[in-house]
C-alpha atoms as a PDB file:
ATOM      1  CA  MET A   1       0.027  -0.015  -0.025  1.00  0.00           C
ATOM      2  CA  TRP A   2       1.198   3.549  -0.810  1.00  0.00           C
ATOM      3  CA  LYS A   3       1.022   5.545   2.416  1.00  0.00           C
ATOM      4  CA  ALA A   4       0.601   9.323   2.814  1.00  0.00           C
ATOM      5  CA  ASP A   5       2.741   9.457   5.952  1.00  0.00           C
ATOM      6  CA  ASN A   6       4.338  12.857   5.613  1.00  0.00           C
ATOM      7  CA  TRP A   7       1.629  15.003   7.176  1.00  0.00           C
ATOM      8  CA  LYS A   8       2.130  17.226  10.157  1.00  0.00           C
ATOM      9  CA  ASP A   9      -1.109  19.267   9.969  1.00  0.00           C
ATOM     10  CA  TYR A  10      -3.351  16.262   9.370  1.00  0.00           C
ATOM     11  CA  GLU A  11      -3.804  12.991  11.251  1.00  0.00           C
ATOM     12  CA  VAL A  12      -6.147  10.095  11.484  1.00  0.00           C
ATOM     13  CA  ILE A  13      -6.243   9.728  15.252  1.00  0.00           C
ATOM     14  CA  ASP A  14      -8.534   6.705  15.503  1.00  0.00           C
ATOM     15  CA  THR A  15     -11.226   4.749  13.604  1.00  0.00           C
ATOM     16  CA  SER A  16     -14.240   2.773  14.923  1.00  0.00           C
ATOM     17  CA  LYS A  17     -17.836   1.916  14.217  1.00  0.00           C
ATOM     18  CA  GLY A  18     -18.076   3.367  10.774  1.00  0.00           C
ATOM     19  CA  GLU A  19     -16.303   6.644  11.568  1.00  0.00           C
ATOM     20  CA  LYS A  20     -12.824   8.208  11.673  1.00  0.00           C
ATOM     21  CA  LEU A  21     -11.508  10.670  14.221  1.00  0.00           C
ATOM     22  CA  GLU A  22      -9.280  13.192  12.457  1.00  0.00           C
ATOM     23  CA  ARG A  23      -7.181  16.243  13.313  1.00  0.00           C
ATOM     24  CA  TRP A  24      -7.142  18.986  10.668  1.00  0.00           C
ATOM     25  CA  GLY A  25      -4.631  21.509  12.026  1.00  0.00           C
ATOM     26  CA  LYS A  26      -5.912  22.273  15.547  1.00  0.00           C
ATOM     27  CA  TYR A  27      -9.454  21.080  14.896  1.00  0.00           C
ATOM     28  CA  ILE A  28     -10.866  17.632  15.565  1.00  0.00           C
ATOM     29  CA  LEU A  29     -13.480  16.181  13.276  1.00  0.00           C
ATOM     30  CA  VAL A  30     -15.527  13.004  13.216  1.00  0.00           C
ATOM     31  CA  ARG A  31     -16.614  11.854   9.850  1.00  0.00           C
ATOM     32  CA  PRO A  32     -18.146   8.551   8.437  1.00  0.00           C
ATOM     33  CA  ASP A  33     -15.941   6.157   6.513  1.00  0.00           C
ATOM     34  CA  PRO A  34     -17.415   3.052   4.726  1.00  0.00           C
ATOM     35  CA  GLN A  35     -14.156   1.165   5.096  1.00  0.00           C
ATOM     36  CA  VAL A  36     -14.390   1.305   8.924  1.00  0.00           C
ATOM     37  CA  ILE A  37     -16.386  -1.850   9.638  1.00  0.00           C
ATOM     38  CA  TRP A  38     -14.620  -2.684  12.950  1.00  0.00           C
ATOM     39  CA  ASN A  39     -15.981  -1.849  16.454  1.00  0.00           C
ATOM     40  CA  THR A  40     -12.703  -1.247  18.331  1.00  0.00           C
ATOM     41  CA  PRO A  41     -13.006   0.619  21.651  1.00  0.00           C
ATOM     42  CA  ARG A  42     -13.170   4.406  21.406  1.00  0.00           C
ATOM     43  CA  LYS A  43     -10.532   5.336  24.068  1.00  0.00           C
ATOM     44  CA  ASN A  44      -9.233   8.627  22.668  1.00  0.00           C
ATOM     45  CA  ALA A  45     -10.817  11.701  24.296  1.00  0.00           C
ATOM     46  CA  GLY A  46     -11.209  13.378  20.925  1.00  0.00           C
ATOM     47  CA  TRP A  47     -14.340  11.213  20.199  1.00  0.00           C
ATOM     48  CA  LYS A  48     -16.146  13.335  22.845  1.00  0.00           C
ATOM     49  CA  ASN A  49     -14.286  16.610  22.471  1.00  0.00           C
ATOM     50  CA  ARG A  50     -14.620  17.048  18.721  1.00  0.00           C
ATOM     51  CA  ASN A  51     -15.107  20.407  16.868  1.00  0.00           C
ATOM     52  CA  GLY A  52     -17.344  19.005  14.178  1.00  0.00           C
ATOM     53  CA  HIS A  53     -19.271  15.788  13.569  1.00  0.00           C
ATOM     54  CA  TYR A  54     -20.853  14.724  10.347  1.00  0.00           C
ATOM     55  CA  HIS A  55     -23.835  12.408  11.041  1.00  0.00           C
ATOM     56  CA  ARG A  56     -24.922  10.013   8.319  1.00  0.00           C
ATOM     57  CA  SER A  57     -28.660   9.766   7.812  1.00  0.00           C
ATOM     58  CA  VAL A  58     -30.341   6.408   7.428  1.00  0.00           C
ATOM     59  CA  LYS A  59     -32.243   7.900   4.507  1.00  0.00           C
ATOM     60  CA  GLY A  60     -28.986   8.828   2.747  1.00  0.00           C
ATOM     61  CA  GLY A  61     -26.766  11.980   2.956  1.00  0.00           C
ATOM     62  CA  GLY A  62     -26.470  13.532   6.405  1.00  0.00           C
ATOM     63  CA  SER A  63     -25.607  16.780   8.122  1.00  0.00           C
ATOM     64  CA  TRP A  64     -22.902  18.539  10.142  1.00  0.00           C
ATOM     65  CA  GLU A  65     -23.046  19.239  13.879  1.00  0.00           C
ATOM     66  CA  PHE A  66     -20.524  21.907  14.893  1.00  0.00           C
ATOM     67  CA  PHE A  67     -18.857  22.579  18.254  1.00  0.00           C
ATOM     68  CA  ASP A  68     -16.650  25.669  18.083  1.00  0.00           C
ATOM     69  CA  LEU A  69     -15.482  25.220  14.491  1.00  0.00           C
ATOM     70  CA  PRO A  70     -14.736  28.190  12.173  1.00  0.00           C
ATOM     71  CA  GLU A  71     -16.424  28.398   8.798  1.00  0.00           C
ATOM     72  CA  GLU A  72     -13.041  27.931   7.184  1.00  0.00           C
ATOM     73  CA  TRP A  73      -9.411  27.547   8.150  1.00  0.00           C
ATOM     74  CA  SER A  74      -6.151  26.383   6.448  1.00  0.00           C
ATOM     75  CA  ILE A  75      -3.500  23.721   6.969  1.00  0.00           C
ATOM     76  CA  SER A  76      -0.068  23.198   5.322  1.00  0.00           C
ATOM     77  CA  TYR A  77       1.776  20.291   3.746  1.00  0.00           C
ATOM     78  CA  HIS A  78       5.497  20.246   3.105  1.00  0.00           C
ATOM     79  CA  LEU A  79       6.192  18.726  -0.320  1.00  0.00           C
ATOM     80  CA  ASN A  80       9.431  16.896   0.186  1.00  0.00           C
ATOM     81  CA  ASN A  81      10.104  16.238  -3.477  1.00  0.00           C
ATOM     82  CA  ALA A  82       9.901  19.864  -4.436  1.00  0.00           C
ATOM     83  CA  SER A  83      11.095  21.439  -1.140  1.00  0.00           C
ATOM     84  CA  LYS A  84       7.848  23.571  -1.083  1.00  0.00           C
ATOM     85  CA  THR A  85       5.124  24.136   1.458  1.00  0.00           C
ATOM     86  CA  LEU A  86       1.595  23.987   0.166  1.00  0.00           C
ATOM     87  CA  ARG A  87      -1.367  25.574   1.955  1.00  0.00           C
ATOM     88  CA  PHE A  88      -5.020  24.602   1.682  1.00  0.00           C
ATOM     89  CA  ASN A  89      -8.249  26.257   2.664  1.00  0.00           C
ATOM     90  CA  LEU A  90     -10.752  23.873   4.428  1.00  0.00           C
ATOM     91  CA  LYS A  91     -14.504  24.390   4.588  1.00  0.00           C
ATOM     92  CA  PRO A  92     -16.863  21.679   5.800  1.00  0.00           C
ATOM     93  CA  PHE A  93     -19.618  21.278   3.218  1.00  0.00           C
ATOM     94  CA  SER A  94     -22.208  18.857   2.013  1.00  0.00           C
ATOM     95  CA  PHE A  95     -21.706  15.093   2.036  1.00  0.00           C
ATOM     96  CA  LYS A  96     -19.074  15.133   4.793  1.00  0.00           C
ATOM     97  CA  HIS A  97     -16.218  16.711   2.773  1.00  0.00           C
ATOM     98  CA  THR A  98     -13.714  19.363   3.838  1.00  0.00           C
ATOM     99  CA  GLY A  99     -12.232  20.248   0.433  1.00  0.00           C
ATOM    100  CA  LEU A 100      -9.092  18.052   0.672  1.00  0.00           C
ATOM    101  CA  PHE A 101      -8.257  14.352   0.329  1.00  0.00           C
ATOM    102  CA  PRO A 102      -5.033  13.989   2.454  1.00  0.00           C
ATOM    103  CA  GLU A 103      -4.291  10.464   1.199  1.00  0.00           C
ATOM    104  CA  GLN A 104      -3.508  11.997  -2.214  1.00  0.00           C
ATOM    105  CA  ALA A 105      -0.322  13.439  -0.707  1.00  0.00           C
ATOM    106  CA  VAL A 106       1.445  10.169  -1.626  1.00  0.00           C
ATOM    107  CA  ASN A 107       0.636  10.870  -5.313  1.00  0.00           C
ATOM    108  CA  TRP A 108       1.620  14.511  -5.028  1.00  0.00           C
ATOM    109  CA  GLU A 109       5.093  13.421  -3.852  1.00  0.00           C
ATOM    110  CA  TRP A 110       5.424  10.868  -6.730  1.00  0.00           C
ATOM    111  CA  MET A 111       4.437  13.409  -9.415  1.00  0.00           C
ATOM    112  CA  ALA A 112       6.630  16.076  -7.952  1.00  0.00           C
ATOM    113  CA  GLU A 113       9.589  13.698  -7.885  1.00  0.00           C
ATOM    114  CA  ARG A 114       9.184  12.801 -11.568  1.00  0.00           C
ATOM    115  CA  ILE A 115       8.784  16.522 -12.545  1.00  0.00           C
ATOM    116  CA  THR A 116      11.792  17.723 -10.592  1.00  0.00           C
ATOM    117  CA  LYS A 117      13.878  14.815 -12.038  1.00  0.00           C
ATOM    118  CA  ALA A 118      13.011  15.814 -15.575  1.00  0.00           C
ATOM    119  CA  GLU A 119      13.873  19.484 -14.881  1.00  0.00           C
ATOM    120  CA  ARG A 120      17.292  18.483 -13.525  1.00  0.00           C
ATOM    121  CA  GLU A 121      17.958  16.383 -16.631  1.00  0.00           C
ATOM    122  CA  ASP A 122      16.755  19.152 -19.016  1.00  0.00           C
ATOM    123  CA  PRO A 123      16.757  22.556 -17.229  1.00  0.00           C
ATOM    124  CA  GLY A 124      15.158  24.374 -20.131  1.00  0.00           C
ATOM    125  CA  ARG A 125      12.275  22.041 -20.503  1.00  0.00           C
ATOM    126  CA  LYS A 126       8.711  23.409 -20.024  1.00  0.00           C
ATOM    127  CA  ILE A 127       6.787  20.603 -18.405  1.00  0.00           C
ATOM    128  CA  ARG A 128       3.033  20.543 -18.983  1.00  0.00           C
ATOM    129  CA  VAL A 129       0.512  18.651 -16.842  1.00  0.00           C
ATOM    130  CA  LEU A 130      -3.254  18.104 -17.375  1.00  0.00           C
ATOM    131  CA  ASN A 131      -5.366  17.649 -14.265  1.00  0.00           C
ATOM    132  CA  LEU A 132      -8.806  16.321 -14.993  1.00  0.00           C
ATOM    133  CA  PHE A 133     -11.668  16.140 -12.481  1.00  0.00           C
ATOM    134  CA  ALA A 134      -9.287  18.367 -10.542  1.00  0.00           C
ATOM    135  CA  TYR A 135     -11.470  19.272  -7.550  1.00  0.00           C
ATOM    136  CA  THR A 136      -9.824  21.871  -5.173  1.00  0.00           C
ATOM    137  CA  GLY A 137      -6.435  21.710  -6.678  1.00  0.00           C
ATOM    138  CA  GLY A 138      -4.250  19.685  -4.333  1.00  0.00           C
ATOM    139  CA  ALA A 139      -2.474  17.915  -7.206  1.00  0.00           C
ATOM    140  CA  THR A 140      -2.409  21.138  -9.217  1.00  0.00           C
ATOM    141  CA  ALA A 141      -0.631  22.996  -6.499  1.00  0.00           C
ATOM    142  CA  ALA A 142       1.871  20.110  -5.978  1.00  0.00           C
ATOM    143  CA  CYS A 143       2.786  19.738  -9.683  1.00  0.00           C
ATOM    144  CA  SER A 144       3.077  23.556 -10.033  1.00  0.00           C
ATOM    145  CA  ALA A 145       5.225  23.870  -6.988  1.00  0.00           C
ATOM    146  CA  ALA A 146       7.504  21.289  -8.507  1.00  0.00           C
ATOM    147  CA  GLY A 147       7.843  23.537 -11.596  1.00  0.00           C
ATOM    148  CA  ALA A 148       5.161  22.263 -14.007  1.00  0.00           C
ATOM    149  CA  HIS A 149       2.652  24.321 -15.970  1.00  0.00           C
ATOM    150  CA  VAL A 150      -0.705  22.892 -15.069  1.00  0.00           C
ATOM    151  CA  THR A 151      -4.075  22.898 -16.820  1.00  0.00           C
ATOM    152  CA  HIS A 152      -6.784  22.410 -14.180  1.00  0.00           C
ATOM    153  CA  VAL A 153     -10.211  21.136 -15.238  1.00  0.00           C
ATOM    154  CA  ASP A 154     -13.383  20.620 -13.212  1.00  0.00           C
ATOM    155  CA  ALA A 155     -17.059  20.904 -14.036  1.00  0.00           C
ATOM    156  CA  SER A 156     -17.847  22.823 -10.833  1.00  0.00           C
ATOM    157  CA  ARG A 157     -17.123  26.536 -10.840  1.00  0.00           C
ATOM    158  CA  GLY A 158     -17.036  26.495  -7.042  1.00  0.00           C
ATOM    159  CA  MET A 159     -14.315  23.835  -7.028  1.00  0.00           C
ATOM    160  CA  VAL A 160     -12.282  25.738  -9.561  1.00  0.00           C
ATOM    161  CA  ASN A 161     -12.505  28.938  -7.573  1.00  0.00           C
ATOM    162  CA  TRP A 162     -11.460  27.022  -4.466  1.00  0.00           C
ATOM    163  CA  ALA A 163      -8.461  25.571  -6.378  1.00  0.00           C
ATOM    164  CA  LYS A 164      -7.408  29.112  -7.361  1.00  0.00           C
ATOM    165  CA  GLU A 165      -7.559  30.104  -3.633  1.00  0.00           C
ATOM    166  CA  ASN A 166      -5.325  27.108  -2.756  1.00  0.00           C
ATOM    167  CA  CYS A 167      -2.798  27.861  -5.369  1.00  0.00           C
ATOM    168  CA  SER A 168      -2.673  31.484  -4.324  1.00  0.00           C
ATOM    169  CA  LEU A 169      -2.225  30.466  -0.734  1.00  0.00           C
ATOM    170  CA  SER A 170       0.641  28.145  -1.801  1.00  0.00           C
ATOM    171  CA  GLY A 171       2.406  30.969  -3.657  1.00  0.00           C
ATOM    172  CA  ILE A 172       2.134  29.319  -7.135  1.00  0.00           C
ATOM    173  CA  PRO A 173       3.028  31.772  -9.939  1.00  0.00           C
ATOM    174  CA  THR A 174      -0.174  32.433 -11.957  1.00  0.00           C
ATOM    175  CA  GLU A 175       1.761  32.046 -15.326  1.00  0.00           C
ATOM    176  CA  ARG A 176       2.087  28.283 -14.480  1.00  0.00           C
ATOM    177  CA  LEU A 177      -1.708  27.847 -14.254  1.00  0.00           C
ATOM    178  CA  ARG A 178      -4.741  27.491 -16.569  1.00  0.00           C
ATOM    179  CA  PHE A 179      -8.165  26.949 -15.037  1.00  0.00           C
ATOM    180  CA  PHE A 180     -11.236  25.612 -16.947  1.00  0.00           C
ATOM    181  CA  VAL A 181     -14.790  25.104 -15.745  1.00  0.00           C
ATOM    182  CA  ASP A 182     -15.715  22.388 -18.317  1.00  0.00           C
ATOM    183  CA  ASP A 183     -16.757  18.810 -18.933  1.00  0.00           C
ATOM    184  CA  CYS A 184     -13.510  16.915 -18.944  1.00  0.00           C
ATOM    185  CA  LYS A 185     -14.401  14.730 -21.953  1.00  0.00           C
ATOM    186  CA  LYS A 186     -15.209  17.735 -24.030  1.00  0.00           C
ATOM    187  CA  LEU A 187     -12.031  19.574 -23.022  1.00  0.00           C
ATOM    188  CA  VAL A 188      -9.967  16.549 -23.987  1.00  0.00           C
ATOM    189  CA  GLU A 189     -11.583  16.371 -27.350  1.00  0.00           C
ATOM    190  CA  ARG A 190     -10.909  20.107 -27.901  1.00  0.00           C
ATOM    191  CA  GLU A 191      -7.280  19.869 -26.820  1.00  0.00           C
ATOM    192  CA  LYS A 192      -6.705  16.983 -29.268  1.00  0.00           C
ATOM    193  CA  ARG A 193      -8.231  19.092 -32.148  1.00  0.00           C
ATOM    194  CA  ARG A 194      -5.846  21.987 -31.170  1.00  0.00           C
ATOM    195  CA  GLY A 195      -2.855  19.683 -31.108  1.00  0.00           C
ATOM    196  CA  ASN A 196      -2.008  20.386 -27.467  1.00  0.00           C
ATOM    197  CA  LYS A 197       0.217  17.839 -25.672  1.00  0.00           C
ATOM    198  CA  TYR A 198       0.994  17.236 -22.035  1.00  0.00           C
ATOM    199  CA  ASP A 199       3.928  15.485 -20.334  1.00  0.00           C
ATOM    200  CA  GLY A 200       1.855  14.347 -17.405  1.00  0.00           C
ATOM    201  CA  ILE A 201      -1.813  13.500 -17.119  1.00  0.00           C
ATOM    202  CA  LEU A 202      -3.798  12.743 -14.025  1.00  0.00           C
ATOM    203  CA  MET A 203      -7.423  12.153 -13.427  1.00  0.00           C
ATOM    204  CA  ASP A 204      -9.636  11.682 -10.285  1.00  0.00           C
ATOM    205  CA  PRO A 205     -12.975  10.652 -11.890  1.00  0.00           C
ATOM    206  CA  PRO A 206     -16.183  10.469  -9.771  1.00  0.00           C
ATOM    207  CA  SER A 207     -18.209   7.256  -9.695  1.00  0.00           C
ATOM    208  CA  TYR A 208     -21.124   9.274 -11.141  1.00  0.00           C
ATOM    209  CA  GLY A 209     -21.354  12.895 -12.091  1.00  0.00           C
ATOM    210  CA  ARG A 210     -22.889  15.556 -14.332  1.00  0.00           C
ATOM    211  CA  GLY A 211     -21.041  18.176 -16.399  1.00  0.00           C
ATOM    212  CA  PRO A 212     -22.011  21.835 -16.546  1.00  0.00           C
ATOM    213  CA  LYS A 213     -24.600  21.188 -19.260  1.00  0.00           C
ATOM    214  CA  GLY A 214     -25.954  17.962 -17.786  1.00  0.00           C
ATOM    215  CA  GLU A 215     -23.511  15.539 -19.308  1.00  0.00           C
ATOM    216  CA  ILE A 216     -23.769  12.208 -17.484  1.00  0.00           C
ATOM    217  CA  TRP A 217     -20.599  10.341 -16.350  1.00  0.00           C
ATOM    218  CA  LYS A 218     -20.739   6.766 -15.087  1.00  0.00           C
ATOM    219  CA  ILE A 219     -17.234   5.537 -14.344  1.00  0.00           C
ATOM    220  CA  GLU A 220     -17.633   1.869 -15.088  1.00  0.00           C
ATOM    221  CA  GLU A 221     -19.177   2.643 -18.472  1.00  0.00           C
ATOM    222  CA  SER A 222     -16.854   5.505 -19.401  1.00  0.00           C
ATOM    223  CA  ILE A 223     -13.435   5.215 -17.899  1.00  0.00           C
ATOM    224  CA  TYR A 224     -11.723   2.806 -20.404  1.00  0.00           C
ATOM    225  CA  ASP A 225     -12.757   4.801 -23.499  1.00  0.00           C
ATOM    226  CA  PHE A 226     -11.836   8.017 -21.718  1.00  0.00           C
ATOM    227  CA  ILE A 227      -8.335   6.652 -20.992  1.00  0.00           C
ATOM    228  CA  GLU A 228      -7.987   5.757 -24.689  1.00  0.00           C
ATOM    229  CA  GLU A 229      -9.096   9.266 -25.710  1.00  0.00           C
ATOM    230  CA  THR A 230      -6.841  11.061 -23.225  1.00  0.00           C
ATOM    231  CA  GLU A 231      -3.758   8.947 -24.033  1.00  0.00           C
ATOM    232  CA  GLY A 232      -3.578  10.884 -27.357  1.00  0.00           C
ATOM    233  CA  LEU A 233      -2.703  14.065 -25.416  1.00  0.00           C
ATOM    234  CA  LEU A 234       0.529  12.645 -24.134  1.00  0.00           C
ATOM    235  CA  SER A 235       3.688  14.270 -25.453  1.00  0.00           C
ATOM    236  CA  ASP A 236       6.443  12.345 -27.280  1.00  0.00           C
ATOM    237  CA  ASP A 237       8.536  12.373 -24.047  1.00  0.00           C
ATOM    238  CA  PRO A 238       5.940  11.923 -21.332  1.00  0.00           C
ATOM    239  CA  LEU A 239       6.557  11.534 -17.613  1.00  0.00           C
ATOM    240  CA  PHE A 240       3.425   9.903 -16.171  1.00  0.00           C
ATOM    241  CA  PHE A 241      -0.273   9.021 -16.419  1.00  0.00           C
ATOM    242  CA  LEU A 242      -2.141   8.659 -13.098  1.00  0.00           C
ATOM    243  CA  ILE A 243      -5.670   7.431 -12.316  1.00  0.00           C
ATOM    244  CA  ASN A 244      -7.301   7.696  -8.886  1.00  0.00           C
ATOM    245  CA  SER A 245     -10.322   5.645  -7.994  1.00  0.00           C
ATOM    246  CA  TYR A 246     -12.647   5.586  -4.983  1.00  0.00           C
ATOM    247  CA  THR A 247     -15.036   3.157  -6.748  1.00  0.00           C
ATOM    248  CA  THR A 248     -15.136  -0.326  -5.180  1.00  0.00           C
ATOM    249  CA  GLY A 249     -15.242  -2.092  -8.600  1.00  0.00           C
ATOM    250  CA  LEU A 250     -12.027  -0.401  -9.835  1.00  0.00           C
ATOM    251  CA  GLN A 251      -9.487  -2.209  -7.733  1.00  0.00           C
ATOM    252  CA  PRO A 252      -5.701  -1.595  -8.244  1.00  0.00           C
ATOM    253  CA  ALA A 253      -5.449  -4.639 -10.551  1.00  0.00           C
ATOM    254  CA  VAL A 254      -8.189  -3.168 -12.760  1.00  0.00           C
ATOM    255  CA  LEU A 255      -6.456   0.189 -13.067  1.00  0.00           C
ATOM    256  CA  ASP A 256      -3.192  -1.559 -13.731  1.00  0.00           C
ATOM    257  CA  TYR A 257      -4.763  -3.648 -16.511  1.00  0.00           C
ATOM    258  CA  MET A 258      -6.414  -0.621 -18.251  1.00  0.00           C
ATOM    259  CA  LEU A 259      -3.099   1.296 -18.237  1.00  0.00           C
ATOM    260  CA  GLY A 260      -1.241  -1.672 -19.537  1.00  0.00           C
ATOM    261  CA  ALA A 261      -3.739  -2.304 -22.247  1.00  0.00           C
ATOM    262  CA  VAL A 262      -3.942   1.275 -23.455  1.00  0.00           C
ATOM    263  CA  ILE A 263      -0.780   3.216 -22.703  1.00  0.00           C
ATOM    264  CA  LYS A 264       1.936   0.559 -22.044  1.00  0.00           C
ATOM    265  CA  LYS A 265       0.873  -1.282 -25.184  1.00  0.00           C
ATOM    266  CA  LYS A 266       1.428   1.844 -27.266  1.00  0.00           C
ATOM    267  CA  ARG A 267       4.357   3.497 -25.456  1.00  0.00           C
ATOM    268  CA  GLY A 268       6.194   0.897 -23.485  1.00  0.00           C
ATOM    269  CA  GLY A 269       7.219   1.914 -20.000  1.00  0.00           C
ATOM    270  CA  LYS A 270       5.937   0.537 -16.770  1.00  0.00           C
ATOM    271  CA  THR A 271       2.685   0.416 -14.907  1.00  0.00           C
ATOM    272  CA  SER A 272       2.018   0.043 -11.177  1.00  0.00           C
ATOM    273  CA  ALA A 273      -1.104   0.142  -9.049  1.00  0.00           C
ATOM    274  CA  ASP A 274      -1.919  -0.132  -5.342  1.00  0.00           C
ATOM    275  CA  GLU A 275      -4.165   0.982  -2.579  1.00  0.00           C
ATOM    276  CA  ILE A 276      -3.466   4.304  -0.981  1.00  0.00           C
ATOM    277  CA  GLY A 277      -3.842   4.900   2.703  1.00  0.00           C
ATOM    278  CA  LEU A 278      -3.340   6.938   5.830  1.00  0.00           C
ATOM    279  CA  PRO A 279      -1.660   5.844   9.092  1.00  0.00           C
ATOM    280  CA  VAL A 280      -3.936   5.569  12.180  1.00  0.00           C
ATOM    281  CA  THR A 281      -2.208   6.907  15.288  1.00  0.00           C
ATOM    282  CA  GLU A 282      -4.088   4.855  17.995  1.00  0.00           C
ATOM    283  CA  SER A 283      -3.723   1.484  16.265  1.00  0.00           C
ATOM    284  CA  GLY A 284      -0.508   1.909  14.260  1.00  0.00           C
ATOM    285  CA  LEU A 285      -2.414   0.439  11.317  1.00  0.00           C
ATOM    286  CA  ILE A 286      -3.191   1.836   7.817  1.00  0.00           C
ATOM    287  CA  LEU A 287      -6.634   3.093   6.767  1.00  0.00           C
ATOM    288  CA  PRO A 288      -7.346   2.166   3.168  1.00  0.00           C
ATOM    289  CA  CYS A 289      -8.604   5.197   1.145  1.00  0.00           C
ATOM    290  CA  GLY A 290      -9.017   4.169  -2.463  1.00  0.00           C
ATOM    291  CA  ALA A 291      -6.635   3.095  -5.198  1.00  0.00           C
ATOM    292  CA  SER A 292      -4.262   4.572  -7.727  1.00  0.00           C
ATOM    293  CA  GLY A 293      -2.813   3.368 -11.052  1.00  0.00           C
ATOM    294  CA  ARG A 294       0.386   4.819 -12.474  1.00  0.00           C
ATOM    295  CA  TRP A 295       2.044   4.601 -15.852  1.00  0.00           C
ATOM    296  CA  PHE A 296       5.590   5.988 -16.322  1.00  0.00           C
ATOM    297  CA  LEU A 297       8.659   5.626 -18.440  1.00  0.00           C
END
């Protein structure tokens, strides 16, 4: 398992009975997690002394209960492979989210390492990265901090604006960034028509979603064809292609197979896939948080 174990401002303190106890900076949150099917004792005082608690409803969805929690605050992450500190705004909002997936830090480090290595080997190279379904810009900030020029695409204007805030907080030069509120599939088609190429491509597709004009996305039906389409945007000397999945059916071996069948078959290189996870302080174990598949030369 690939572990995001470099955090100082974030911590999974404990997990039990369908929930996780987390520290985001100085604030303690309790949120549901479908992976937590164990009923271990809740000994940590944070379970009772939390600042916010998202309660799942038996009818679906849920709601927040707040105890002395600000509307928004920020935390930092030191990106070792770029020697940069990133900062992120957090805002608890619908469906339990805070605006950041901390487990993705393990992929930020991996991409930053590949970008900085390519820059050392060719100091004059302009590295271009395409971030699809890009959410609030954690990966955008990380790749840009490492020196890449990043095109950030998400169908939600609110998420794109949030990503701009995070990149600004992180001190990312604006000339390295392009932001688009758009359907990812349509943008890929448009970029191919324009002849644009990217040295790195990453995508974090939802299980189900709608584009700005009502376009429907179902990951099991769409992901393979979309990988085939997007592969055509890779440059002649690419660095990586990364897929993240929080969908149960897309296990690491499935991601690895698709990358092998589409990209490795055409371009050679290597593929690798695994679960990603976060260390749990109380137990010393690792909480699984999805899967990632990587292609690279």
